[in-house]
Amino acid sequence: MIKNKKIWEDFEIELIKNEKIDYKKNFKIFNELYKLAKSLNKFKFAYLEDIEYDIKYALVINGETKNKVKKNGVRKKMEATKPLKNN
């Protein structure tokens, strides 16, 4: 049990100052945690499915004209993401 918080905080600060960073070890740990999270399906990229619609709406809201959009090369992307008509 820590009885003197100030001594503990000083110890932690000194430890951090004197400790060398091992980038390879840290990257290895990060990589393994990333692989584990992917295998457990903790990363869901479903939010990317509607990004084209978000771009289209942002262009409309910001008053982008068809000519500006065509020059920027976004027009083709917008046309490819038109919603399907429900019958």
PDB file of N, CA and C in Angstrom:
ATOM      1  N   MET A   1       0.837  -1.177   0.000  1.00  0.00           N
ATOM      2  CA  MET A   1       0.000   0.000   0.000  1.00  0.00           C
ATOM      3  C   MET A   1       0.886   1.246   0.000  1.00  0.00           C
ATOM      4  N   ILE A   2       0.526   2.221  -0.808  1.00  0.00           N
ATOM      5  CA  ILE A   2       1.297   3.466  -0.907  1.00  0.00           C
ATOM      6  C   ILE A   2       0.817   4.407   0.190  1.00  0.00           C
ATOM      7  N   LYS A   3       1.754   4.809   1.035  1.00  0.00           N
ATOM      8  CA  LYS A   3       1.391   5.686   2.148  1.00  0.00           C
ATOM      9  C   LYS A   3       1.719   7.140   1.839  1.00  0.00           C
ATOM     10  N   ASN A   4       2.768   7.357   1.062  1.00  0.00           N
ATOM     11  CA  ASN A   4       3.150   8.725   0.732  1.00  0.00           C
ATOM     12  C   ASN A   4       3.073   8.893  -0.789  1.00  0.00           C
ATOM     13  N   LYS A   5       2.020   9.542  -1.225  1.00  0.00           N
ATOM     14  CA  LYS A   5       1.756   9.697  -2.656  1.00  0.00           C
ATOM     15  C   LYS A   5       2.849  10.516  -3.344  1.00  0.00           C
ATOM     16  N   LYS A   6       3.363  11.530  -2.679  1.00  0.00           N
ATOM     17  CA  LYS A   6       4.390  12.402  -3.254  1.00  0.00           C
ATOM     18  C   LYS A   6       5.671  11.619  -3.572  1.00  0.00           C
ATOM     19  N   ILE A   7       6.085  10.771  -2.674  1.00  0.00           N
ATOM     20  CA  ILE A   7       7.287   9.948  -2.908  1.00  0.00           C
ATOM     21  C   ILE A   7       7.061   9.034  -4.113  1.00  0.00           C
ATOM     22  N   TRP A   8       5.882   8.447  -4.195  1.00  0.00           N
ATOM     23  CA  TRP A   8       5.560   7.553  -5.318  1.00  0.00           C
ATOM     24  C   TRP A   8       5.577   8.306  -6.649  1.00  0.00           C
ATOM     25  N   GLU A   9       4.976   9.495  -6.678  1.00  0.00           N
ATOM     26  CA  GLU A   9       4.956  10.292  -7.904  1.00  0.00           C
ATOM     27  C   GLU A   9       6.358  10.704  -8.322  1.00  0.00           C
ATOM     28  N   ASP A  10       7.192  11.077  -7.357  1.00  0.00           N
ATOM     29  CA  ASP A  10       8.595  11.416  -7.665  1.00  0.00           C
ATOM     30  C   ASP A  10       9.333  10.213  -8.237  1.00  0.00           C
ATOM     31  N   PHE A  11       9.087   9.043  -7.651  1.00  0.00           N
ATOM     32  CA  PHE A  11       9.703   7.814  -8.146  1.00  0.00           C
ATOM     33  C   PHE A  11       9.283   7.553  -9.592  1.00  0.00           C
ATOM     34  N   GLU A  12       8.000   7.692  -9.890  1.00  0.00           N
ATOM     35  CA  GLU A  12       7.513   7.462 -11.247  1.00  0.00           C
ATOM     36  C   GLU A  12       8.138   8.431 -12.243  1.00  0.00           C
ATOM     37  N   ILE A  13       8.231   9.699 -11.866  1.00  0.00           N
ATOM     38  CA  ILE A  13       8.821  10.707 -12.757  1.00  0.00           C
ATOM     39  C   ILE A  13      10.277  10.382 -13.051  1.00  0.00           C
ATOM     40  N   GLU A  14      11.030  10.017 -12.031  1.00  0.00           N
ATOM     41  CA  GLU A  14      12.446   9.657 -12.221  1.00  0.00           C
ATOM     42  C   GLU A  14      12.582   8.403 -13.073  1.00  0.00           C
ATOM     43  N   LEU A  15      11.711   7.447 -12.853  1.00  0.00           N
ATOM     44  CA  LEU A  15      11.752   6.205 -13.631  1.00  0.00           C
ATOM     45  C   LEU A  15      11.505   6.496 -15.112  1.00  0.00           C
ATOM     46  N   ILE A  16      10.519   7.334 -15.393  1.00  0.00           N
ATOM     47  CA  ILE A  16      10.211   7.680 -16.778  1.00  0.00           C
ATOM     48  C   ILE A  16      11.361   8.442 -17.421  1.00  0.00           C
ATOM     49  N   LYS A  17      11.974   9.355 -16.691  1.00  0.00           N
ATOM     50  CA  LYS A  17      13.108  10.132 -17.222  1.00  0.00           C
ATOM     51  C   LYS A  17      14.284   9.241 -17.573  1.00  0.00           C
ATOM     52  N   ASN A  18      14.569   8.258 -16.737  1.00  0.00           N
ATOM     53  CA  ASN A  18      15.766   7.433 -16.899  1.00  0.00           C
ATOM     54  C   ASN A  18      15.563   6.215 -17.792  1.00  0.00           C
ATOM     55  N   GLU A  19      14.325   5.860 -18.046  1.00  0.00           N
ATOM     56  CA  GLU A  19      14.042   4.672 -18.849  1.00  0.00           C
ATOM     57  C   GLU A  19      14.201   4.983 -20.333  1.00  0.00           C
ATOM     58  N   LYS A  20      14.894   4.136 -21.045  1.00  0.00           N
ATOM     59  CA  LYS A  20      15.065   4.275 -22.488  1.00  0.00           C
ATOM     60  C   LYS A  20      13.867   3.645 -23.188  1.00  0.00           C
ATOM     61  N   ILE A  21      13.437   4.270 -24.285  1.00  0.00           N
ATOM     62  CA  ILE A  21      12.296   3.765 -25.042  1.00  0.00           C
ATOM     63  C   ILE A  21      12.770   2.690 -26.008  1.00  0.00           C
ATOM     64  N   ASP A  22      12.137   1.537 -25.941  1.00  0.00           N
ATOM     65  CA  ASP A  22      12.453   0.426 -26.834  1.00  0.00           C
ATOM     66  C   ASP A  22      11.371   0.377 -27.917  1.00  0.00           C
ATOM     67  N   TYR A  23      11.628   1.045 -29.030  1.00  0.00           N
ATOM     68  CA  TYR A  23      10.636   1.163 -30.091  1.00  0.00           C
ATOM     69  C   TYR A  23      10.271  -0.188 -30.699  1.00  0.00           C
ATOM     70  N   LYS A  24      11.251  -1.051 -30.883  1.00  0.00           N
ATOM     71  CA  LYS A  24      10.970  -2.363 -31.478  1.00  0.00           C
ATOM     72  C   LYS A  24      10.040  -3.180 -30.586  1.00  0.00           C
ATOM     73  N   LYS A  25      10.331  -3.168 -29.289  1.00  0.00           N
ATOM     74  CA  LYS A  25       9.507  -3.916 -28.344  1.00  0.00           C
ATOM     75  C   LYS A  25       8.089  -3.336 -28.310  1.00  0.00           C
ATOM     76  N   ASN A  26       7.978  -2.020 -28.257  1.00  0.00           N
ATOM     77  CA  ASN A  26       6.666  -1.377 -28.209  1.00  0.00           C
ATOM     78  C   ASN A  26       5.869  -1.646 -29.476  1.00  0.00           C
ATOM     79  N   PHE A  27       6.537  -1.607 -30.637  1.00  0.00           N
ATOM     80  CA  PHE A  27       5.842  -1.885 -31.887  1.00  0.00           C
ATOM     81  C   PHE A  27       5.389  -3.339 -31.944  1.00  0.00           C
ATOM     82  N   LYS A  28       6.216  -4.233 -31.440  1.00  0.00           N
ATOM     83  CA  LYS A  28       5.865  -5.648 -31.430  1.00  0.00           C
ATOM     84  C   LYS A  28       4.621  -5.889 -30.570  1.00  0.00           C
ATOM     85  N   ILE A  29       4.581  -5.244 -29.402  1.00  0.00           N
ATOM     86  CA  ILE A  29       3.412  -5.370 -28.522  1.00  0.00           C
ATOM     87  C   ILE A  29       2.180  -4.808 -29.203  1.00  0.00           C
ATOM     88  N   PHE A  30       2.312  -3.627 -29.797  1.00  0.00           N
ATOM     89  CA  PHE A  30       1.187  -3.003 -30.502  1.00  0.00           C
ATOM     90  C   PHE A  30       0.687  -3.900 -31.627  1.00  0.00           C
ATOM     91  N   ASN A  31       1.609  -4.452 -32.397  1.00  0.00           N
ATOM     92  CA  ASN A  31       1.249  -5.298 -33.531  1.00  0.00           C
ATOM     93  C   ASN A  31       0.492  -6.540 -33.066  1.00  0.00           C
ATOM     94  N   GLU A  32       0.935  -7.149 -31.990  1.00  0.00           N
ATOM     95  CA  GLU A  32       0.261  -8.340 -31.484  1.00  0.00           C
ATOM     96  C   GLU A  32      -1.135  -7.996 -30.945  1.00  0.00           C
ATOM     97  N   LEU A  33      -1.254  -6.868 -30.255  1.00  0.00           N
ATOM     98  CA  LEU A  33      -2.570  -6.442 -29.768  1.00  0.00           C
ATOM     99  C   LEU A  33      -3.507  -6.141 -30.931  1.00  0.00           C
ATOM    100  N   TYR A  34      -2.966  -5.529 -31.992  1.00  0.00           N
ATOM    101  CA  TYR A  34      -3.758  -5.241 -33.184  1.00  0.00           C
ATOM    102  C   TYR A  34      -4.257  -6.540 -33.828  1.00  0.00           C
ATOM    103  N   LYS A  35      -3.377  -7.521 -33.960  1.00  0.00           N
ATOM    104  CA  LYS A  35      -3.765  -8.814 -34.541  1.00  0.00           C
ATOM    105  C   LYS A  35      -4.856  -9.480 -33.701  1.00  0.00           C
ATOM    106  N   LEU A  36      -4.713  -9.408 -32.381  1.00  0.00           N
ATOM    107  CA  LEU A  36      -5.710  -9.998 -31.492  1.00  0.00           C
ATOM    108  C   LEU A  36      -7.058  -9.302 -31.657  1.00  0.00           C
ATOM    109  N   ALA A  37      -7.047  -7.986 -31.693  1.00  0.00           N
ATOM    110  CA  ALA A  37      -8.290  -7.229 -31.853  1.00  0.00           C
ATOM    111  C   ALA A  37      -8.958  -7.551 -33.189  1.00  0.00           C
ATOM    112  N   LYS A  38      -8.167  -7.695 -34.258  1.00  0.00           N
ATOM    113  CA  LYS A  38      -8.729  -8.061 -35.561  1.00  0.00           C
ATOM    114  C   LYS A  38      -9.322  -9.461 -35.525  1.00  0.00           C
ATOM    115  N   SER A  39      -8.636 -10.384 -34.870  1.00  0.00           N
ATOM    116  CA  SER A  39      -9.139 -11.757 -34.822  1.00  0.00           C
ATOM    117  C   SER A  39     -10.419 -11.852 -33.994  1.00  0.00           C
ATOM    118  N   LEU A  40     -10.603 -10.933 -33.058  1.00  0.00           N
ATOM    119  CA  LEU A  40     -11.826 -10.904 -32.246  1.00  0.00           C
ATOM    120  C   LEU A  40     -12.904 -10.019 -32.859  1.00  0.00           C
ATOM    121  N   ASN A  41     -12.649  -9.528 -34.076  1.00  0.00           N
ATOM    122  CA  ASN A  41     -13.583  -8.648 -34.803  1.00  0.00           C
ATOM    123  C   ASN A  41     -13.940  -7.402 -34.002  1.00  0.00           C
ATOM    124  N   LYS A  42     -12.956  -6.796 -33.390  1.00  0.00           N
ATOM    125  CA  LYS A  42     -13.176  -5.574 -32.619  1.00  0.00           C
ATOM    126  C   LYS A  42     -13.062  -4.329 -33.486  1.00  0.00           C
ATOM    127  N   PHE A  43     -12.564  -4.478 -34.709  1.00  0.00           N
ATOM    128  CA  PHE A  43     -12.482  -3.353 -35.629  1.00  0.00           C
ATOM    129  C   PHE A  43     -13.586  -3.504 -36.658  1.00  0.00           C
ATOM    130  N   LYS A  44     -14.508  -2.591 -36.626  1.00  0.00           N
ATOM    131  CA  LYS A  44     -15.611  -2.624 -37.578  1.00  0.00           C
ATOM    132  C   LYS A  44     -15.493  -1.390 -38.467  1.00  0.00           C
ATOM    133  N   PHE A  45     -15.455  -1.610 -39.762  1.00  0.00           N
ATOM    134  CA  PHE A  45     -15.281  -0.523 -40.715  1.00  0.00           C
ATOM    135  C   PHE A  45     -16.575  -0.232 -41.454  1.00  0.00           C
ATOM    136  N   ALA A  46     -17.701  -0.549 -40.872  1.00  0.00           N
ATOM    137  CA  ALA A  46     -18.986  -0.330 -41.527  1.00  0.00           C
ATOM    138  C   ALA A  46     -19.241   1.148 -41.776  1.00  0.00           C
ATOM    139  N   TYR A  47     -18.662   2.007 -40.955  1.00  0.00           N
ATOM    140  CA  TYR A  47     -18.885   3.440 -41.132  1.00  0.00           C
ATOM    141  C   TYR A  47     -18.317   3.943 -42.456  1.00  0.00           C
ATOM    142  N   LEU A  48     -17.410   3.226 -43.068  1.00  0.00           N
ATOM    143  CA  LEU A  48     -16.829   3.638 -44.343  1.00  0.00           C
ATOM    144  C   LEU A  48     -17.764   3.369 -45.519  1.00  0.00           C
ATOM    145  N   GLU A  49     -18.770   2.529 -45.306  1.00  0.00           N
ATOM    146  CA  GLU A  49     -19.672   2.185 -46.408  1.00  0.00           C
ATOM    147  C   GLU A  49     -20.440   3.396 -46.920  1.00  0.00           C
ATOM    148  N   ASP A  50     -20.790   4.304 -46.046  1.00  0.00           N
ATOM    149  CA  ASP A  50     -21.611   5.451 -46.430  1.00  0.00           C
ATOM    150  C   ASP A  50     -20.797   6.722 -46.639  1.00  0.00           C
ATOM    151  N   ILE A  51     -19.510   6.625 -46.734  1.00  0.00           N
ATOM    152  CA  ILE A  51     -18.691   7.834 -46.845  1.00  0.00           C
ATOM    153  C   ILE A  51     -18.937   8.562 -48.165  1.00  0.00           C
ATOM    154  N   GLU A  52     -19.242   7.837 -49.225  1.00  0.00           N
ATOM    155  CA  GLU A  52     -19.509   8.493 -50.499  1.00  0.00           C
ATOM    156  C   GLU A  52     -20.747   9.378 -50.401  1.00  0.00           C
ATOM    157  N   TYR A  53     -21.771   8.884 -49.705  1.00  0.00           N
ATOM    158  CA  TYR A  53     -22.976   9.690 -49.515  1.00  0.00           C
ATOM    159  C   TYR A  53     -22.659  10.934 -48.683  1.00  0.00           C
ATOM    160  N   ASP A  54     -21.822  10.766 -47.674  1.00  0.00           N
ATOM    161  CA  ASP A  54     -21.434  11.912 -46.849  1.00  0.00           C
ATOM    162  C   ASP A  54     -20.701  12.957 -47.685  1.00  0.00           C
ATOM    163  N   ILE A  55     -19.852  12.513 -48.583  1.00  0.00           N
ATOM    164  CA  ILE A  55     -19.126  13.439 -49.458  1.00  0.00           C
ATOM    165  C   ILE A  55     -20.118  14.174 -50.357  1.00  0.00           C
ATOM    166  N   LYS A  56     -21.062  13.424 -50.910  1.00  0.00           N
ATOM    167  CA  LYS A  56     -22.070  14.035 -51.793  1.00  0.00           C
ATOM    168  C   LYS A  56     -22.874  15.091 -51.048  1.00  0.00           C
ATOM    169  N   TYR A  57     -23.324  14.760 -49.848  1.00  0.00           N
ATOM    170  CA  TYR A  57     -24.113  15.711 -49.070  1.00  0.00           C
ATOM    171  C   TYR A  57     -23.277  16.924 -48.676  1.00  0.00           C
ATOM    172  N   ALA A  58     -22.024  16.710 -48.333  1.00  0.00           N
ATOM    173  CA  ALA A  58     -21.153  17.832 -47.966  1.00  0.00           C
ATOM    174  C   ALA A  58     -20.959  18.770 -49.147  1.00  0.00           C
ATOM    175  N   LEU A  59     -20.809  18.212 -50.342  1.00  0.00           N
ATOM    176  CA  LEU A  59     -20.660  19.050 -51.534  1.00  0.00           C
ATOM    177  C   LEU A  59     -21.918  19.873 -51.788  1.00  0.00           C
ATOM    178  N   VAL A  60     -23.064  19.259 -51.616  1.00  0.00           N
ATOM    179  CA  VAL A  60     -24.326  19.975 -51.829  1.00  0.00           C
ATOM    180  C   VAL A  60     -24.495  21.068 -50.778  1.00  0.00           C
ATOM    181  N   ILE A  61     -24.250  20.746 -49.536  1.00  0.00           N
ATOM    182  CA  ILE A  61     -24.400  21.721 -48.453  1.00  0.00           C
ATOM    183  C   ILE A  61     -23.434  22.892 -48.624  1.00  0.00           C
ATOM    184  N   ASN A  62     -22.234  22.608 -49.071  1.00  0.00           N
ATOM    185  CA  ASN A  62     -21.230  23.659 -49.236  1.00  0.00           C
ATOM    186  C   ASN A  62     -21.378  24.419 -50.547  1.00  0.00           C
ATOM    187  N   GLY A  63     -22.403  24.098 -51.334  1.00  0.00           N
ATOM    188  CA  GLY A  63     -22.691  24.842 -52.551  1.00  0.00           C
ATOM    189  C   GLY A  63     -21.739  24.565 -53.692  1.00  0.00           C
ATOM    190  N   GLU A  64     -21.190  23.396 -53.750  1.00  0.00           N
ATOM    191  CA  GLU A  64     -20.306  23.039 -54.863  1.00  0.00           C
ATOM    192  C   GLU A  64     -21.148  22.857 -56.124  1.00  0.00           C
ATOM    193  N   THR A  65     -20.721  23.461 -57.209  1.00  0.00           N
ATOM    194  CA  THR A  65     -21.441  23.320 -58.466  1.00  0.00           C
ATOM    195  C   THR A  65     -20.961  22.080 -59.199  1.00  0.00           C
ATOM    196  N   LYS A  66     -21.724  21.689 -60.211  1.00  0.00           N
ATOM    197  CA  LYS A  66     -21.351  20.508 -60.983  1.00  0.00           C
ATOM    198  C   LYS A  66     -20.004  20.709 -61.672  1.00  0.00           C
ATOM    199  N   ASN A  67     -19.742  21.915 -62.167  1.00  0.00           N
ATOM    200  CA  ASN A  67     -18.478  22.172 -62.856  1.00  0.00           C
ATOM    201  C   ASN A  67     -17.292  22.065 -61.900  1.00  0.00           C
ATOM    202  N   LYS A  68     -17.444  22.621 -60.698  1.00  0.00           N
ATOM    203  CA  LYS A  68     -16.354  22.530 -59.718  1.00  0.00           C
ATOM    204  C   LYS A  68     -16.090  21.082 -59.349  1.00  0.00           C
ATOM    205  N   VAL A  69     -17.167  20.346 -59.143  1.00  0.00           N
ATOM    206  CA  VAL A  69     -17.029  18.943 -58.764  1.00  0.00           C
ATOM    207  C   VAL A  69     -16.377  18.155 -59.886  1.00  0.00           C
ATOM    208  N   LYS A  70     -16.775  18.438 -61.134  1.00  0.00           N
ATOM    209  CA  LYS A  70     -16.210  17.725 -62.279  1.00  0.00           C
ATOM    210  C   LYS A  70     -14.718  18.005 -62.405  1.00  0.00           C
ATOM    211  N   LYS A  71     -14.317  19.260 -62.192  1.00  0.00           N
ATOM    212  CA  LYS A  71     -12.899  19.607 -62.270  1.00  0.00           C
ATOM    213  C   LYS A  71     -12.084  18.907 -61.187  1.00  0.00           C
ATOM    214  N   ASN A  72     -12.678  18.747 -60.029  1.00  0.00           N
ATOM    215  CA  ASN A  72     -11.964  18.120 -58.919  1.00  0.00           C
ATOM    216  C   ASN A  72     -11.934  16.602 -59.008  1.00  0.00           C
ATOM    217  N   GLY A  73     -12.666  16.035 -59.956  1.00  0.00           N
ATOM    218  CA  GLY A  73     -12.647  14.588 -60.134  1.00  0.00           C
ATOM    219  C   GLY A  73     -13.541  13.841 -59.170  1.00  0.00           C
ATOM    220  N   VAL A  74     -14.390  14.543 -58.458  1.00  0.00           N
ATOM    221  CA  VAL A  74     -15.264  13.889 -57.497  1.00  0.00           C
ATOM    222  C   VAL A  74     -16.569  13.474 -58.149  1.00  0.00           C
ATOM    223  N   ARG A  75     -16.897  14.079 -59.272  1.00  0.00           N
ATOM    224  CA  ARG A  75     -18.170  13.823 -59.950  1.00  0.00           C
ATOM    225  C   ARG A  75     -18.352  12.339 -60.259  1.00  0.00           C
ATOM    226  N   LYS A  76     -17.340  11.684 -60.785  1.00  0.00           N
ATOM    227  CA  LYS A  76     -17.442  10.266 -61.134  1.00  0.00           C
ATOM    228  C   LYS A  76     -17.732   9.439 -59.890  1.00  0.00           C
ATOM    229  N   LYS A  77     -17.077   9.788 -58.792  1.00  0.00           N
ATOM    230  CA  LYS A  77     -17.268   9.067 -57.544  1.00  0.00           C
ATOM    231  C   LYS A  77     -18.706   9.231 -57.051  1.00  0.00           C
ATOM    232  N   MET A  78     -19.249  10.450 -57.201  1.00  0.00           N
ATOM    233  CA  MET A  78     -20.614  10.707 -56.767  1.00  0.00           C
ATOM    234  C   MET A  78     -21.612   9.932 -57.612  1.00  0.00           C
ATOM    235  N   GLU A  79     -21.391   9.884 -58.913  1.00  0.00           N
ATOM    236  CA  GLU A  79     -22.314   9.175 -59.803  1.00  0.00           C
ATOM    237  C   GLU A  79     -22.312   7.677 -59.516  1.00  0.00           C
ATOM    238  N   ALA A  80     -21.167   7.164 -59.131  1.00  0.00           N
ATOM    239  CA  ALA A  80     -21.060   5.744 -58.847  1.00  0.00           C
ATOM    240  C   ALA A  80     -21.766   5.378 -57.535  1.00  0.00           C
ATOM    241  N   THR A  81     -22.043   6.369 -56.715  1.00  0.00           N
ATOM    242  CA  THR A  81     -22.636   6.064 -55.411  1.00  0.00           C
ATOM    243  C   THR A  81     -24.094   6.467 -55.319  1.00  0.00           C
ATOM    244  N   LYS A  82     -24.746   6.681 -56.453  1.00  0.00           N
ATOM    245  CA  LYS A  82     -26.167   7.042 -56.413  1.00  0.00           C
ATOM    246  C   LYS A  82     -26.944   5.887 -55.785  1.00  0.00           C
ATOM    247  N   PRO A  83     -27.909   6.218 -54.924  1.00  0.00           N
ATOM    248  CA  PRO A  83     -28.679   5.138 -54.289  1.00  0.00           C
ATOM    249  C   PRO A  83     -29.549   4.415 -55.318  1.00  0.00           C
ATOM    250  N   LEU A  84     -29.776   3.151 -55.094  1.00  0.00           N
ATOM    251  CA  LEU A  84     -30.615   2.352 -55.976  1.00  0.00           C
ATOM    252  C   LEU A  84     -32.076   2.690 -55.719  1.00  0.00           C
ATOM    253  N   LYS A  85     -32.873   2.685 -56.799  1.00  0.00           N
ATOM    254  CA  LYS A  85     -34.306   2.964 -56.651  1.00  0.00           C
ATOM    255  C   LYS A  85     -35.006   1.725 -56.103  1.00  0.00           C
ATOM    256  N   ASN A  86     -35.856   1.935 -55.129  1.00  0.00           N
ATOM    257  CA  ASN A  86     -36.643   0.827 -54.576  1.00  0.00           C
ATOM    258  C   ASN A  86     -37.898   0.643 -55.400  1.00  0.00           C
ATOM    259  N   ASN A  87     -38.155  -0.576 -55.842  1.00  0.00           N
ATOM    260  CA  ASN A  87     -39.356  -0.877 -56.631  1.00  0.00           C
ATOM    261  C   ASN A  87     -40.444  -1.418 -55.762  1.00  0.00           C
TER     262      ASN A  87
END
